[in-house]
Amino acid sequence: MTNNTTPLLRIAGRSAAAGFLLTIAGFGAAFGGMYSHAQAIAAHNSNAPVNYGADRIELQDRQNRVVLSGNVDITQAGLRLRAAAGRPG
């Protein structure tokens, strides 16, 4: 697993994490049972450093984003997202 925290990658990772957090908040708003979790995410420190690792990391500099694939692990201020490598099919 590759682990990178260079400044450019951290900025791109922060953008990816912000999109992830907005997606989670959107699901929380859509499903009433998750309301308390959405409130917890709303109080999350989105300015905290983002650390991530994956089997494959692709920096798309012009689009200001990072594409992670295969055993993805992203953490930010106590919030963690993990995704195993997918299987074709």
C-alpha atoms as a PDB file:
ATOM      1  CA  MET A   1       0.000   0.000   0.000  1.00  0.00           C
ATOM      2  CA  THR A   2       1.374   3.399  -0.964  1.00  0.00           C
ATOM      3  CA  ASN A   3       1.067   6.176   1.625  1.00  0.00           C
ATOM      4  CA  ASN A   4       1.596   9.806   0.513  1.00  0.00           C
ATOM      5  CA  THR A   5       1.136  13.058   2.389  1.00  0.00           C
ATOM      6  CA  THR A   6       2.977  15.567   0.181  1.00  0.00           C
ATOM      7  CA  PRO A   7       1.443  19.080   0.216  1.00  0.00           C
ATOM      8  CA  LEU A   8      -0.059  18.896  -3.299  1.00  0.00           C
ATOM      9  CA  LEU A   9      -1.544  15.479  -2.647  1.00  0.00           C
ATOM     10  CA  ARG A  10      -2.904  16.618   0.726  1.00  0.00           C
ATOM     11  CA  ILE A  11      -4.695  19.524  -0.979  1.00  0.00           C
ATOM     12  CA  ALA A  12      -6.156  17.203  -3.603  1.00  0.00           C
ATOM     13  CA  GLY A  13      -7.055  14.683  -0.922  1.00  0.00           C
ATOM     14  CA  ARG A  14      -8.765  17.412   1.095  1.00  0.00           C
ATOM     15  CA  SER A  15     -10.921  18.182  -1.955  1.00  0.00           C
ATOM     16  CA  ALA A  16     -11.782  14.497  -2.319  1.00  0.00           C
ATOM     17  CA  ALA A  17     -12.579  14.222   1.388  1.00  0.00           C
ATOM     18  CA  ALA A  18     -14.808  17.301   1.232  1.00  0.00           C
ATOM     19  CA  GLY A  19     -16.763  15.715  -1.612  1.00  0.00           C
ATOM     20  CA  PHE A  20     -16.998  12.504   0.377  1.00  0.00           C
ATOM     21  CA  LEU A  21     -18.272  14.382   3.427  1.00  0.00           C
ATOM     22  CA  LEU A  22     -20.885  16.201   1.365  1.00  0.00           C
ATOM     23  CA  THR A  23     -22.034  12.871  -0.062  1.00  0.00           C
ATOM     24  CA  ILE A  24     -22.326  11.368   3.425  1.00  0.00           C
ATOM     25  CA  ALA A  25     -24.235  14.434   4.655  1.00  0.00           C
ATOM     26  CA  GLY A  26     -26.577  14.151   1.661  1.00  0.00           C
ATOM     27  CA  PHE A  27     -27.316  10.512   2.469  1.00  0.00           C
ATOM     28  CA  GLY A  28     -27.895  11.491   6.102  1.00  0.00           C
ATOM     29  CA  ALA A  29     -30.425  14.112   5.039  1.00  0.00           C
ATOM     30  CA  ALA A  30     -32.150  11.672   2.686  1.00  0.00           C
ATOM     31  CA  PHE A  31     -32.492   8.951   5.324  1.00  0.00           C
ATOM     32  CA  GLY A  32     -34.077  10.298   8.527  1.00  0.00           C
ATOM     33  CA  GLY A  33     -32.604   7.517  10.679  1.00  0.00           C
ATOM     34  CA  MET A  34     -29.159   8.908   9.999  1.00  0.00           C
ATOM     35  CA  TYR A  35     -30.014  12.440  11.175  1.00  0.00           C
ATOM     36  CA  SER A  36     -27.819  12.285  14.292  1.00  0.00           C
ATOM     37  CA  HIS A  37     -24.879  11.052  12.219  1.00  0.00           C
ATOM     38  CA  ALA A  38     -25.355  13.921   9.770  1.00  0.00           C
ATOM     39  CA  GLN A  39     -25.211  16.359  12.696  1.00  0.00           C
ATOM     40  CA  ALA A  40     -21.949  14.786  13.838  1.00  0.00           C
ATOM     41  CA  ILE A  41     -20.494  15.160  10.350  1.00  0.00           C
ATOM     42  CA  ALA A  42     -21.642  18.801  10.193  1.00  0.00           C
ATOM     43  CA  ALA A  43     -19.445  19.472  13.258  1.00  0.00           C
ATOM     44  CA  HIS A  44     -16.495  17.663  11.651  1.00  0.00           C
ATOM     45  CA  ASN A  45     -13.271  19.655  11.224  1.00  0.00           C
ATOM     46  CA  SER A  46     -12.910  19.650   7.431  1.00  0.00           C
ATOM     47  CA  ASN A  47      -9.715  21.724   7.738  1.00  0.00           C
ATOM     48  CA  ALA A  48      -7.888  18.889   9.515  1.00  0.00           C
ATOM     49  CA  PRO A  49      -5.144  17.092   7.561  1.00  0.00           C
ATOM     50  CA  VAL A  50      -6.297  14.278   5.272  1.00  0.00           C
ATOM     51  CA  ASN A  51      -4.221  11.098   5.188  1.00  0.00           C
ATOM     52  CA  TYR A  52      -4.837   8.424   2.607  1.00  0.00           C
ATOM     53  CA  GLY A  53      -3.362   5.337   1.079  1.00  0.00           C
ATOM     54  CA  ALA A  54      -4.319   2.982  -1.732  1.00  0.00           C
ATOM     55  CA  ASP A  55      -2.879   0.355  -4.015  1.00  0.00           C
ATOM     56  CA  ARG A  56      -3.042   2.878  -6.865  1.00  0.00           C
ATOM     57  CA  ILE A  57      -2.970   6.690  -6.583  1.00  0.00           C
ATOM     58  CA  GLU A  58      -3.483   8.838  -9.674  1.00  0.00           C
ATOM     59  CA  LEU A  59      -2.977  12.602  -9.363  1.00  0.00           C
ATOM     60  CA  GLN A  60      -5.048  14.509 -11.929  1.00  0.00           C
ATOM     61  CA  ASP A  61      -3.392  17.887 -11.484  1.00  0.00           C
ATOM     62  CA  ARG A  62      -5.365  19.839 -14.096  1.00  0.00           C
ATOM     63  CA  GLN A  63      -8.680  18.699 -12.603  1.00  0.00           C
ATOM     64  CA  ASN A  64      -7.347  19.311  -9.051  1.00  0.00           C
ATOM     65  CA  ARG A  65      -8.219  15.805  -7.861  1.00  0.00           C
ATOM     66  CA  VAL A  66      -6.772  12.474  -6.822  1.00  0.00           C
ATOM     67  CA  VAL A  67      -8.229   9.121  -7.912  1.00  0.00           C
ATOM     68  CA  LEU A  68      -7.624   6.308  -5.422  1.00  0.00           C
ATOM     69  CA  SER A  69      -8.277   2.646  -6.209  1.00  0.00           C
ATOM     70  CA  GLY A  70      -7.681  -0.702  -4.559  1.00  0.00           C
ATOM     71  CA  ASN A  71      -7.761  -0.989  -0.752  1.00  0.00           C
ATOM     72  CA  VAL A  72      -8.462   2.708  -0.213  1.00  0.00           C
ATOM     73  CA  ASP A  73      -8.050   4.079   3.328  1.00  0.00           C
ATOM     74  CA  ILE A  74      -8.808   7.772   4.018  1.00  0.00           C
ATOM     75  CA  THR A  75      -8.806   9.415   7.464  1.00  0.00           C
ATOM     76  CA  GLN A  76      -9.495  12.948   8.647  1.00  0.00           C
ATOM     77  CA  ALA A  77      -9.940  14.013  12.287  1.00  0.00           C
ATOM     78  CA  GLY A  78     -11.353  10.712  13.508  1.00  0.00           C
ATOM     79  CA  LEU A  79     -13.479  10.067  10.414  1.00  0.00           C
ATOM     80  CA  ARG A  80     -12.378   7.053   8.382  1.00  0.00           C
ATOM     81  CA  LEU A  81     -13.373   5.671   4.984  1.00  0.00           C
ATOM     82  CA  ARG A  82     -12.117   2.265   3.880  1.00  0.00           C
ATOM     83  CA  ALA A  83     -12.900   0.417   0.659  1.00  0.00           C
ATOM     84  CA  ALA A  84     -11.473  -2.942  -0.361  1.00  0.00           C
ATOM     85  CA  ALA A  85     -10.320  -3.689  -3.870  1.00  0.00           C
ATOM     86  CA  GLY A  86     -13.316  -4.423  -6.087  1.00  0.00           C
ATOM     87  CA  ARG A  87     -13.803  -7.583  -8.055  1.00  0.00           C
ATOM     88  CA  PRO A  88     -14.674  -7.487 -11.743  1.00  0.00           C
ATOM     89  CA  GLY A  89     -18.039  -8.822 -12.547  1.00  0.00           C
END
